[in-house]
Amino acid sequence: NGVYCVSMIIEFAAFLTLRHRHDTTGDGPDSWRVPLPTWAMALMVTPAAFFCGLVLVLPFLKGEWLQAFVPLILIVVGAAGYWLRSWCKAEVVNGSPLLTRSTPDWGLDTS
């Protein structure tokens, strides 16, 4: 449950960030737009974010340390993986980056 709650909080933050960014620039697609202002969207996700935070805090209060630290460990591992990916994209060995954005050849004929 803790990992799911962390992912939901990240989704809420991404939703509100994209909503705010596209409200100020006006370049967002209208097909998926919710017809409410950003402050109302923030108000809408607040109860769910509160309960997700509660699910993350309760194991600390009850002394269930494994359940409490697994989401924190996974957040650290995810951030380290993201940093490693960024480092590999920036690192150049023999004139070419370690990670490229080429598509793999699976041997399928798409024509």
PDB file of N, CA and C in Angstrom:
ATOM      1  N   ASN A   1       0.811  -1.200   0.000  1.00  0.00           N
ATOM      2  CA  ASN A   1       0.000   0.000   0.000  1.00  0.00           C
ATOM      3  C   ASN A   1       0.856   1.267   0.000  1.00  0.00           C
ATOM      4  N   GLY A   2       1.992   1.195   0.667  1.00  0.00           N
ATOM      5  CA  GLY A   2       2.850   2.373   0.744  1.00  0.00           C
ATOM      6  C   GLY A   2       3.396   2.776  -0.609  1.00  0.00           C
ATOM      7  N   VAL A   3       3.810   1.795  -1.402  1.00  0.00           N
ATOM      8  CA  VAL A   3       4.351   2.089  -2.732  1.00  0.00           C
ATOM      9  C   VAL A   3       3.256   2.674  -3.621  1.00  0.00           C
ATOM     10  N   TYR A   4       2.055   2.137  -3.534  1.00  0.00           N
ATOM     11  CA  TYR A   4       0.934   2.663  -4.298  1.00  0.00           C
ATOM     12  C   TYR A   4       0.633   4.101  -3.882  1.00  0.00           C
ATOM     13  N   CYS A   5       0.680   4.379  -2.589  1.00  0.00           N
ATOM     14  CA  CYS A   5       0.399   5.738  -2.112  1.00  0.00           C
ATOM     15  C   CYS A   5       1.457   6.723  -2.587  1.00  0.00           C
ATOM     16  N   VAL A   6       2.710   6.296  -2.608  1.00  0.00           N
ATOM     17  CA  VAL A   6       3.767   7.167  -3.129  1.00  0.00           C
ATOM     18  C   VAL A   6       3.503   7.468  -4.596  1.00  0.00           C
ATOM     19  N   SER A   7       3.136   6.445  -5.372  1.00  0.00           N
ATOM     20  CA  SER A   7       2.877   6.676  -6.797  1.00  0.00           C
ATOM     21  C   SER A   7       1.670   7.591  -6.998  1.00  0.00           C
ATOM     22  N   MET A   8       0.659   7.468  -6.155  1.00  0.00           N
ATOM     23  CA  MET A   8      -0.500   8.351  -6.288  1.00  0.00           C
ATOM     24  C   MET A   8      -0.150   9.797  -5.956  1.00  0.00           C
ATOM     25  N   ILE A   9       0.666  10.004  -4.942  1.00  0.00           N
ATOM     26  CA  ILE A   9       1.078  11.371  -4.600  1.00  0.00           C
ATOM     27  C   ILE A   9       1.894  11.971  -5.740  1.00  0.00           C
ATOM     28  N   ILE A  10       2.757  11.160  -6.363  1.00  0.00           N
ATOM     29  CA  ILE A  10       3.520  11.654  -7.522  1.00  0.00           C
ATOM     30  C   ILE A  10       2.576  11.979  -8.679  1.00  0.00           C
ATOM     31  N   GLU A  11       1.565  11.146  -8.897  1.00  0.00           N
ATOM     32  CA  GLU A  11       0.597  11.430  -9.963  1.00  0.00           C
ATOM     33  C   GLU A  11      -0.191  12.708  -9.681  1.00  0.00           C
ATOM     34  N   PHE A  12      -0.600  12.911  -8.441  1.00  0.00           N
ATOM     35  CA  PHE A  12      -1.312  14.138  -8.099  1.00  0.00           C
ATOM     36  C   PHE A  12      -0.435  15.361  -8.348  1.00  0.00           C
ATOM     37  N   ALA A  13       0.829  15.276  -7.933  1.00  0.00           N
ATOM     38  CA  ALA A  13       1.749  16.401  -8.128  1.00  0.00           C
ATOM     39  C   ALA A  13       1.969  16.665  -9.613  1.00  0.00           C
ATOM     40  N   ALA A  14       2.122  15.602 -10.410  1.00  0.00           N
ATOM     41  CA  ALA A  14       2.309  15.781 -11.854  1.00  0.00           C
ATOM     42  C   ALA A  14       1.052  16.372 -12.491  1.00  0.00           C
ATOM     43  N   PHE A  15      -0.106  15.903 -12.068  1.00  0.00           N
ATOM     44  CA  PHE A  15      -1.361  16.426 -12.596  1.00  0.00           C
ATOM     45  C   PHE A  15      -1.492  17.917 -12.332  1.00  0.00           C
ATOM     46  N   LEU A  16      -1.245  18.314 -11.087  1.00  0.00           N
ATOM     47  CA  LEU A  16      -1.383  19.722 -10.752  1.00  0.00           C
ATOM     48  C   LEU A  16      -0.309  20.583 -11.421  1.00  0.00           C
ATOM     49  N   THR A  17       0.903  20.052 -11.538  1.00  0.00           N
ATOM     50  CA  THR A  17       1.975  20.799 -12.196  1.00  0.00           C
ATOM     51  C   THR A  17       1.657  21.005 -13.675  1.00  0.00           C
ATOM     52  N   LEU A  18       1.256  19.939 -14.362  1.00  0.00           N
ATOM     53  CA  LEU A  18       0.915  20.081 -15.782  1.00  0.00           C
ATOM     54  C   LEU A  18      -0.311  20.954 -15.971  1.00  0.00           C
ATOM     55  N   ARG A  19      -1.243  20.813 -15.066  1.00  0.00           N
ATOM     56  CA  ARG A  19      -2.441  21.640 -15.154  1.00  0.00           C
ATOM     57  C   ARG A  19      -2.101  23.122 -15.010  1.00  0.00           C
ATOM     58  N   HIS A  20      -1.263  23.446 -14.041  1.00  0.00           N
ATOM     59  CA  HIS A  20      -0.859  24.836 -13.837  1.00  0.00           C
ATOM     60  C   HIS A  20      -0.043  25.348 -15.022  1.00  0.00           C
ATOM     61  N   ARG A  21       0.881  24.527 -15.511  1.00  0.00           N
ATOM     62  CA  ARG A  21       1.736  24.944 -16.622  1.00  0.00           C
ATOM     63  C   ARG A  21       0.925  25.201 -17.880  1.00  0.00           C
ATOM     64  N   HIS A  22      -0.042  24.338 -18.194  1.00  0.00           N
ATOM     65  CA  HIS A  22      -0.823  24.524 -19.413  1.00  0.00           C
ATOM     66  C   HIS A  22      -1.923  25.552 -19.246  1.00  0.00           C
ATOM     67  N   ASP A  23      -2.337  25.824 -18.016  1.00  0.00           N
ATOM     68  CA  ASP A  23      -3.301  26.906 -17.810  1.00  0.00           C
ATOM     69  C   ASP A  23      -2.650  28.258 -18.063  1.00  0.00           C
ATOM     70  N   THR A  24      -1.380  28.385 -17.677  1.00  0.00           N
ATOM     71  CA  THR A  24      -0.725  29.686 -17.853  1.00  0.00           C
ATOM     72  C   THR A  24      -0.258  29.896 -19.283  1.00  0.00           C
ATOM     73  N   THR A  25       0.081  28.826 -20.008  1.00  0.00           N
ATOM     74  CA  THR A  25       0.539  28.990 -21.386  1.00  0.00           C
ATOM     75  C   THR A  25      -0.595  28.848 -22.397  1.00  0.00           C
ATOM     76  N   GLY A  26      -1.635  28.116 -22.036  1.00  0.00           N
ATOM     77  CA  GLY A  26      -2.770  27.953 -22.930  1.00  0.00           C
ATOM     78  C   GLY A  26      -2.508  27.029 -24.105  1.00  0.00           C
ATOM     79  N   ASP A  27      -1.471  26.184 -24.034  1.00  0.00           N
ATOM     80  CA  ASP A  27      -1.157  25.322 -25.164  1.00  0.00           C
ATOM     81  C   ASP A  27      -1.520  23.866 -24.926  1.00  0.00           C
ATOM     82  N   GLY A  28      -2.303  23.572 -23.911  1.00  0.00           N
ATOM     83  CA  GLY A  28      -2.688  22.195 -23.631  1.00  0.00           C
ATOM     84  C   GLY A  28      -3.834  21.746 -24.517  1.00  0.00           C
ATOM     85  N   PRO A  29      -3.925  20.450 -24.793  1.00  0.00           N
ATOM     86  CA  PRO A  29      -5.046  19.964 -25.614  1.00  0.00           C
ATOM     87  C   PRO A  29      -6.360  20.057 -24.845  1.00  0.00           C
ATOM     88  N   ASP A  30      -7.410  20.408 -25.534  1.00  0.00           N
ATOM     89  CA  ASP A  30      -8.707  20.571 -24.880  1.00  0.00           C
ATOM     90  C   ASP A  30      -9.468  19.255 -24.731  1.00  0.00           C
ATOM     91  N   SER A  31      -9.033  18.192 -25.394  1.00  0.00           N
ATOM     92  CA  SER A  31      -9.795  16.952 -25.369  1.00  0.00           C
ATOM     93  C   SER A  31      -9.770  16.270 -24.004  1.00  0.00           C
ATOM     94  N   TRP A  32      -8.724  16.478 -23.192  1.00  0.00           N
ATOM     95  CA  TRP A  32      -8.667  15.847 -21.877  1.00  0.00           C
ATOM     96  C   TRP A  32      -8.776  16.866 -20.749  1.00  0.00           C
ATOM     97  N   ARG A  33      -9.164  18.047 -21.048  1.00  0.00           N
ATOM     98  CA  ARG A  33      -9.232  19.127 -20.073  1.00  0.00           C
ATOM     99  C   ARG A  33     -10.450  18.981 -19.161  1.00  0.00           C
ATOM    100  N   VAL A  34     -10.223  19.131 -17.856  1.00  0.00           N
ATOM    101  CA  VAL A  34     -11.309  19.110 -16.871  1.00  0.00           C
ATOM    102  C   VAL A  34     -11.793  20.556 -16.729  1.00  0.00           C
ATOM    103  N   PRO A  35     -13.097  20.804 -16.862  1.00  0.00           N
ATOM    104  CA  PRO A  35     -13.587  22.191 -16.893  1.00  0.00           C
ATOM    105  C   PRO A  35     -13.697  22.841 -15.516  1.00  0.00           C
ATOM    106  N   LEU A  36     -12.621  22.816 -14.753  1.00  0.00           N
ATOM    107  CA  LEU A  36     -12.562  23.484 -13.461  1.00  0.00           C
ATOM    108  C   LEU A  36     -11.222  24.199 -13.355  1.00  0.00           C
ATOM    109  N   PRO A  37     -11.124  25.244 -12.545  1.00  0.00           N
ATOM    110  CA  PRO A  37      -9.836  25.920 -12.383  1.00  0.00           C
ATOM    111  C   PRO A  37      -8.844  25.063 -11.595  1.00  0.00           C
ATOM    112  N   THR A  38      -7.578  25.453 -11.664  1.00  0.00           N
ATOM    113  CA  THR A  38      -6.520  24.673 -11.026  1.00  0.00           C
ATOM    114  C   THR A  38      -6.711  24.590  -9.518  1.00  0.00           C
ATOM    115  N   TRP A  39      -7.170  25.669  -8.894  1.00  0.00           N
ATOM    116  CA  TRP A  39      -7.351  25.625  -7.435  1.00  0.00           C
ATOM    117  C   TRP A  39      -8.426  24.602  -7.058  1.00  0.00           C
ATOM    118  N   ALA A  40      -9.439  24.438  -7.906  1.00  0.00           N
ATOM    119  CA  ALA A  40     -10.485  23.451  -7.629  1.00  0.00           C
ATOM    120  C   ALA A  40      -9.938  22.032  -7.795  1.00  0.00           C
ATOM    121  N   MET A  41      -9.044  21.854  -8.773  1.00  0.00           N
ATOM    122  CA  MET A  41      -8.410  20.541  -8.945  1.00  0.00           C
ATOM    123  C   MET A  41      -7.537  20.212  -7.734  1.00  0.00           C
ATOM    124  N   ALA A  42      -6.813  21.197  -7.226  1.00  0.00           N
ATOM    125  CA  ALA A  42      -5.993  20.983  -6.031  1.00  0.00           C
ATOM    126  C   ALA A  42      -6.885  20.625  -4.839  1.00  0.00           C
ATOM    127  N   LEU A  43      -8.001  21.303  -4.729  1.00  0.00           N
ATOM    128  CA  LEU A  43      -8.947  21.002  -3.660  1.00  0.00           C
ATOM    129  C   LEU A  43      -9.535  19.596  -3.821  1.00  0.00           C
ATOM    130  N   MET A  44      -9.718  19.163  -5.062  1.00  0.00           N
ATOM    131  CA  MET A  44     -10.293  17.846  -5.330  1.00  0.00           C
ATOM    132  C   MET A  44      -9.331  16.715  -4.940  1.00  0.00           C
ATOM    133  N   VAL A  45      -8.033  16.887  -5.178  1.00  0.00           N
ATOM    134  CA  VAL A  45      -7.086  15.813  -4.877  1.00  0.00           C
ATOM    135  C   VAL A  45      -6.576  15.871  -3.441  1.00  0.00           C
ATOM    136  N   THR A  46      -6.889  16.918  -2.699  1.00  0.00           N
ATOM    137  CA  THR A  46      -6.390  17.057  -1.329  1.00  0.00           C
ATOM    138  C   THR A  46      -6.830  15.921  -0.402  1.00  0.00           C
ATOM    139  N   PRO A  47      -8.103  15.518  -0.364  1.00  0.00           N
ATOM    140  CA  PRO A  47      -8.471  14.411   0.538  1.00  0.00           C
ATOM    141  C   PRO A  47      -7.743  13.107   0.207  1.00  0.00           C
ATOM    142  N   ALA A  48      -7.633  12.778  -1.071  1.00  0.00           N
ATOM    143  CA  ALA A  48      -6.947  11.545  -1.447  1.00  0.00           C
ATOM    144  C   ALA A  48      -5.463  11.621  -1.091  1.00  0.00           C
ATOM    145  N   ALA A  49      -4.835  12.772  -1.323  1.00  0.00           N
ATOM    146  CA  ALA A  49      -3.426  12.937  -0.966  1.00  0.00           C
ATOM    147  C   ALA A  49      -3.241  12.866   0.549  1.00  0.00           C
ATOM    148  N   PHE A  50      -4.187  13.402   1.303  1.00  0.00           N
ATOM    149  CA  PHE A  50      -4.121  13.338   2.762  1.00  0.00           C
ATOM    150  C   PHE A  50      -4.159  11.884   3.237  1.00  0.00           C
ATOM    151  N   PHE A  51      -5.078  11.091   2.692  1.00  0.00           N
ATOM    152  CA  PHE A  51      -5.176   9.696   3.120  1.00  0.00           C
ATOM    153  C   PHE A  51      -3.966   8.880   2.664  1.00  0.00           C
ATOM    154  N   CYS A  52      -3.413   9.215   1.503  1.00  0.00           N
ATOM    155  CA  CYS A  52      -2.173   8.548   1.084  1.00  0.00           C
ATOM    156  C   CYS A  52      -1.041   8.879   2.051  1.00  0.00           C
ATOM    157  N   GLY A  53      -0.960  10.143   2.459  1.00  0.00           N
ATOM    158  CA  GLY A  53       0.044  10.521   3.450  1.00  0.00           C
ATOM    159  C   GLY A  53      -0.179   9.818   4.774  1.00  0.00           C
ATOM    160  N   LEU A  54      -1.431   9.661   5.156  1.00  0.00           N
ATOM    161  CA  LEU A  54      -1.757   8.952   6.388  1.00  0.00           C
ATOM    162  C   LEU A  54      -1.315   7.487   6.323  1.00  0.00           C
ATOM    163  N   VAL A  55      -1.536   6.844   5.183  1.00  0.00           N
ATOM    164  CA  VAL A  55      -1.098   5.455   5.011  1.00  0.00           C
ATOM    165  C   VAL A  55       0.422   5.356   5.106  1.00  0.00           C
ATOM    166  N   LEU A  56       1.130   6.388   4.647  1.00  0.00           N
ATOM    167  CA  LEU A  56       2.591   6.371   4.726  1.00  0.00           C
ATOM    168  C   LEU A  56       3.103   6.631   6.142  1.00  0.00           C
ATOM    169  N   VAL A  57       2.367   7.392   6.947  1.00  0.00           N
ATOM    170  CA  VAL A  57       2.816   7.757   8.292  1.00  0.00           C
ATOM    171  C   VAL A  57       2.433   6.718   9.342  1.00  0.00           C
ATOM    172  N   LEU A  58       1.301   6.058   9.174  1.00  0.00           N
ATOM    173  CA  LEU A  58       0.813   5.120  10.195  1.00  0.00           C
ATOM    174  C   LEU A  58       1.798   4.002  10.553  1.00  0.00           C
ATOM    175  N   PRO A  59       2.516   3.393   9.611  1.00  0.00           N
ATOM    176  CA  PRO A  59       3.474   2.359  10.029  1.00  0.00           C
ATOM    177  C   PRO A  59       4.569   2.884  10.957  1.00  0.00           C
ATOM    178  N   PHE A  60       4.964   4.138  10.794  1.00  0.00           N
ATOM    179  CA  PHE A  60       5.944   4.718  11.713  1.00  0.00           C
ATOM    180  C   PHE A  60       5.357   4.836  13.124  1.00  0.00           C
ATOM    181  N   LEU A  61       4.082   5.225  13.211  1.00  0.00           N
ATOM    182  CA  LEU A  61       3.447   5.388  14.510  1.00  0.00           C
ATOM    183  C   LEU A  61       3.175   4.052  15.195  1.00  0.00           C
ATOM    184  N   LYS A  62       2.921   3.002  14.407  1.00  0.00           N
ATOM    185  CA  LYS A  62       2.622   1.689  14.970  1.00  0.00           C
ATOM    186  C   LYS A  62       3.870   0.841  15.183  1.00  0.00           C
ATOM    187  N   GLY A  63       5.019   1.320  14.708  1.00  0.00           N
ATOM    188  CA  GLY A  63       6.267   0.583  14.897  1.00  0.00           C
ATOM    189  C   GLY A  63       6.473  -0.548  13.911  1.00  0.00           C
ATOM    190  N   GLU A  64       5.780  -0.551  12.802  1.00  0.00           N
ATOM    191  CA  GLU A  64       5.964  -1.564  11.770  1.00  0.00           C
ATOM    192  C   GLU A  64       7.047  -1.068  10.814  1.00  0.00           C
ATOM    193  N   TRP A  65       8.282  -1.325  11.184  1.00  0.00           N
ATOM    194  CA  TRP A  65       9.413  -0.684  10.524  1.00  0.00           C
ATOM    195  C   TRP A  65       9.645  -1.175   9.109  1.00  0.00           C
ATOM    196  N   LEU A  66       9.407  -2.441   8.837  1.00  0.00           N
ATOM    197  CA  LEU A  66       9.597  -2.934   7.470  1.00  0.00           C
ATOM    198  C   LEU A  66       8.619  -2.250   6.518  1.00  0.00           C
ATOM    199  N   GLN A  67       7.366  -2.203   6.918  1.00  0.00           N
ATOM    200  CA  GLN A  67       6.350  -1.559   6.093  1.00  0.00           C
ATOM    201  C   GLN A  67       6.587  -0.056   5.998  1.00  0.00           C
ATOM    202  N   ALA A  68       7.228   0.528   6.997  1.00  0.00           N
ATOM    203  CA  ALA A  68       7.479   1.959   6.985  1.00  0.00           C
ATOM    204  C   ALA A  68       8.642   2.330   6.070  1.00  0.00           C
ATOM    205  N   PHE A  69       9.691   1.505   6.050  1.00  0.00           N
ATOM    206  CA  PHE A  69      10.892   1.889   5.325  1.00  0.00           C
ATOM    207  C   PHE A  69      10.946   1.389   3.890  1.00  0.00           C
ATOM    208  N   VAL A  70      10.148   0.404   3.519  1.00  0.00           N
ATOM    209  CA  VAL A  70      10.176  -0.089   2.134  1.00  0.00           C
ATOM    210  C   VAL A  70       9.825   1.018   1.133  1.00  0.00           C
ATOM    211  N   PRO A  71       8.761   1.809   1.320  1.00  0.00           N
ATOM    212  CA  PRO A  71       8.513   2.897   0.366  1.00  0.00           C
ATOM    213  C   PRO A  71       9.657   3.916   0.322  1.00  0.00           C
ATOM    214  N   LEU A  72      10.250   4.206   1.473  1.00  0.00           N
ATOM    215  CA  LEU A  72      11.361   5.160   1.480  1.00  0.00           C
ATOM    216  C   LEU A  72      12.567   4.609   0.731  1.00  0.00           C
ATOM    217  N   ILE A  73      12.849   3.331   0.919  1.00  0.00           N
ATOM    218  CA  ILE A  73      13.969   2.706   0.209  1.00  0.00           C
ATOM    219  C   ILE A  73      13.704   2.709  -1.292  1.00  0.00           C
ATOM    220  N   LEU A  74      12.467   2.417  -1.697  1.00  0.00           N
ATOM    221  CA  LEU A  74      12.145   2.405  -3.120  1.00  0.00           C
ATOM    222  C   LEU A  74      12.220   3.804  -3.730  1.00  0.00           C
ATOM    223  N   ILE A  75      11.877   4.829  -2.973  1.00  0.00           N
ATOM    224  CA  ILE A  75      12.026   6.200  -3.472  1.00  0.00           C
ATOM    225  C   ILE A  75      13.497   6.513  -3.708  1.00  0.00           C
ATOM    226  N   VAL A  76      14.363   6.116  -2.775  1.00  0.00           N
ATOM    227  CA  VAL A  76      15.800   6.355  -2.922  1.00  0.00           C
ATOM    228  C   VAL A  76      16.350   5.577  -4.117  1.00  0.00           C
ATOM    229  N   VAL A  77      15.941   4.315  -4.271  1.00  0.00           N
ATOM    230  CA  VAL A  77      16.406   3.504  -5.404  1.00  0.00           C
ATOM    231  C   VAL A  77      15.930   4.109  -6.730  1.00  0.00           C
ATOM    232  N   GLY A  78      14.692   4.575  -6.772  1.00  0.00           N
ATOM    233  CA  GLY A  78      14.170   5.200  -7.985  1.00  0.00           C
ATOM    234  C   GLY A  78      14.904   6.483  -8.330  1.00  0.00           C
ATOM    235  N   ALA A  79      15.188   7.308  -7.323  1.00  0.00           N
ATOM    236  CA  ALA A  79      15.933   8.543  -7.577  1.00  0.00           C
ATOM    237  C   ALA A  79      17.355   8.234  -8.033  1.00  0.00           C
ATOM    238  N   ALA A  80      17.979   7.221  -7.445  1.00  0.00           N
ATOM    239  CA  ALA A  80      19.329   6.837  -7.863  1.00  0.00           C
ATOM    240  C   ALA A  80      19.320   6.300  -9.296  1.00  0.00           C
ATOM    241  N   GLY A  81      18.322   5.521  -9.658  1.00  0.00           N
ATOM    242  CA  GLY A  81      18.212   5.030 -11.032  1.00  0.00           C
ATOM    243  C   GLY A  81      18.003   6.158 -12.020  1.00  0.00           C
ATOM    244  N   TYR A  82      17.193   7.134 -11.647  1.00  0.00           N
ATOM    245  CA  TYR A  82      16.971   8.291 -12.515  1.00  0.00           C
ATOM    246  C   TYR A  82      18.271   9.080 -12.687  1.00  0.00           C
ATOM    247  N   TRP A  83      19.012   9.266 -11.591  1.00  0.00           N
ATOM    248  CA  TRP A  83      20.293   9.967 -11.678  1.00  0.00           C
ATOM    249  C   TRP A  83      21.266   9.183 -12.546  1.00  0.00           C
ATOM    250  N   LEU A  84      21.321   7.853 -12.385  1.00  0.00           N
ATOM    251  CA  LEU A  84      22.220   7.016 -13.182  1.00  0.00           C
ATOM    252  C   LEU A  84      21.868   7.096 -14.659  1.00  0.00           C
ATOM    253  N   ARG A  85      20.584   7.095 -14.969  1.00  0.00           N
ATOM    254  CA  ARG A  85      20.152   7.234 -16.364  1.00  0.00           C
ATOM    255  C   ARG A  85      20.588   8.567 -16.935  1.00  0.00           C
ATOM    256  N   SER A  86      20.413   9.647 -16.181  1.00  0.00           N
ATOM    257  CA  SER A  86      20.847  10.969 -16.642  1.00  0.00           C
ATOM    258  C   SER A  86      22.354  11.014 -16.821  1.00  0.00           C
ATOM    259  N   TRP A  87      23.090  10.398 -15.920  1.00  0.00           N
ATOM    260  CA  TRP A  87      24.550  10.380 -16.015  1.00  0.00           C
ATOM    261  C   TRP A  87      24.996   9.608 -17.246  1.00  0.00           C
ATOM    262  N   CYS A  88      24.341   8.462 -17.512  1.00  0.00           N
ATOM    263  CA  CYS A  88      24.713   7.656 -18.678  1.00  0.00           C
ATOM    264  C   CYS A  88      24.391   8.376 -19.985  1.00  0.00           C
ATOM    265  N   LYS A  89      23.319   9.144 -20.009  1.00  0.00           N
ATOM    266  CA  LYS A  89      22.997   9.907 -21.216  1.00  0.00           C
ATOM    267  C   LYS A  89      24.003  11.021 -21.442  1.00  0.00           C
ATOM    268  N   ALA A  90      24.535  11.581 -20.356  1.00  0.00           N
ATOM    269  CA  ALA A  90      25.476  12.688 -20.483  1.00  0.00           C
ATOM    270  C   ALA A  90      26.907  12.206 -20.701  1.00  0.00           C
ATOM    271  N   GLU A  91      27.225  11.011 -20.227  1.00  0.00           N
ATOM    272  CA  GLU A  91      28.582  10.482 -20.328  1.00  0.00           C
ATOM    273  C   GLU A  91      28.872  10.055 -21.767  1.00  0.00           C
ATOM    274  N   VAL A  92      30.011  10.480 -22.272  1.00  0.00           N
ATOM    275  CA  VAL A  92      30.400  10.147 -23.636  1.00  0.00           C
ATOM    276  C   VAL A  92      31.653   9.286 -23.582  1.00  0.00           C
ATOM    277  N   VAL A  93      31.583   8.110 -24.233  1.00  0.00           N
ATOM    278  CA  VAL A  93      32.720   7.196 -24.306  1.00  0.00           C
ATOM    279  C   VAL A  93      33.064   7.008 -25.777  1.00  0.00           C
ATOM    280  N   ASN A  94      34.274   7.301 -26.143  1.00  0.00           N
ATOM    281  CA  ASN A  94      34.748   7.163 -27.527  1.00  0.00           C
ATOM    282  C   ASN A  94      33.874   7.929 -28.514  1.00  0.00           C
ATOM    283  N   GLY A  95      33.415   9.088 -28.130  1.00  0.00           N
ATOM    284  CA  GLY A  95      32.651   9.945 -29.033  1.00  0.00           C
ATOM    285  C   GLY A  95      31.178   9.650 -29.134  1.00  0.00           C
ATOM    286  N   SER A  96      30.664   8.618 -28.444  1.00  0.00           N
ATOM    287  CA  SER A  96      29.233   8.343 -28.496  1.00  0.00           C
ATOM    288  C   SER A  96      28.696   8.193 -27.073  1.00  0.00           C
ATOM    289  N   PRO A  97      27.459   8.621 -26.833  1.00  0.00           N
ATOM    290  CA  PRO A  97      26.897   8.511 -25.487  1.00  0.00           C
ATOM    291  C   PRO A  97      26.651   7.055 -25.100  1.00  0.00           C
ATOM    292  N   LEU A  98      26.654   6.802 -23.786  1.00  0.00           N
ATOM    293  CA  LEU A  98      26.386   5.442 -23.309  1.00  0.00           C
ATOM    294  C   LEU A  98      24.949   5.019 -23.600  1.00  0.00           C
ATOM    295  N   LEU A  99      24.023   5.950 -23.507  1.00  0.00           N
ATOM    296  CA  LEU A  99      22.620   5.668 -23.820  1.00  0.00           C
ATOM    297  C   LEU A  99      22.204   6.516 -25.006  1.00  0.00           C
ATOM    298  N   THR A 100      21.574   5.891 -25.973  1.00  0.00           N
ATOM    299  CA  THR A 100      21.056   6.631 -27.120  1.00  0.00           C
ATOM    300  C   THR A 100      19.562   6.386 -27.221  1.00  0.00           C
ATOM    301  N   ARG A 101      18.921   7.143 -28.055  1.00  0.00           N
ATOM    302  CA  ARG A 101      17.476   7.033 -28.207  1.00  0.00           C
ATOM    303  C   ARG A 101      17.116   6.302 -29.498  1.00  0.00           C
ATOM    304  N   SER A 102      17.863   5.305 -29.855  1.00  0.00           N
ATOM    305  CA  SER A 102      17.559   4.553 -31.068  1.00  0.00           C
ATOM    306  C   SER A 102      16.562   3.444 -30.749  1.00  0.00           C
ATOM    307  N   THR A 103      15.771   3.098 -31.745  1.00  0.00           N
ATOM    308  CA  THR A 103      14.795   2.030 -31.560  1.00  0.00           C
ATOM    309  C   THR A 103      15.454   0.701 -31.876  1.00  0.00           C
ATOM    310  N   PRO A 104      15.135  -0.343 -31.124  1.00  0.00           N
ATOM    311  CA  PRO A 104      15.756  -1.643 -31.383  1.00  0.00           C
ATOM    312  C   PRO A 104      15.185  -2.291 -32.636  1.00  0.00           C
ATOM    313  N   ASP A 105      16.007  -3.099 -33.285  1.00  0.00           N
ATOM    314  CA  ASP A 105      15.557  -3.853 -34.449  1.00  0.00           C
ATOM    315  C   ASP A 105      15.139  -5.242 -33.959  1.00  0.00           C
ATOM    316  N   TRP A 106      13.839  -5.473 -33.887  1.00  0.00           N
ATOM    317  CA  TRP A 106      13.319  -6.743 -33.387  1.00  0.00           C
ATOM    318  C   TRP A 106      13.206  -7.784 -34.491  1.00  0.00           C
ATOM    319  N   GLY A 107      13.584  -7.421 -35.712  1.00  0.00           N
ATOM    320  CA  GLY A 107      13.483  -8.360 -36.815  1.00  0.00           C
ATOM    321  C   GLY A 107      12.084  -8.486 -37.362  1.00  0.00           C
ATOM    322  N   LEU A 108      11.228  -7.518 -37.079  1.00  0.00           N
ATOM    323  CA  LEU A 108       9.853  -7.543 -37.564  1.00  0.00           C
ATOM    324  C   LEU A 108       9.752  -6.665 -38.789  1.00  0.00           C
ATOM    325  N   ASP A 109       9.074  -7.149 -39.788  1.00  0.00           N
ATOM    326  CA  ASP A 109       8.874  -6.370 -40.997  1.00  0.00           C
ATOM    327  C   ASP A 109       7.619  -5.524 -40.821  1.00  0.00           C
ATOM    328  N   THR A 110       7.793  -4.215 -40.806  1.00  0.00           N
ATOM    329  CA  THR A 110       6.649  -3.312 -40.580  1.00  0.00           C
ATOM    330  C   THR A 110       6.089  -2.760 -41.864  1.00  0.00           C
ATOM    331  N   SER A 111       6.598  -3.187 -43.018  1.00  0.00           N
ATOM    332  CA  SER A 111       6.090  -2.634 -44.281  1.00  0.00           C
ATOM    333  C   SER A 111       4.918  -3.425 -44.806  1.00  0.00           C
TER     334      SER A 111
END
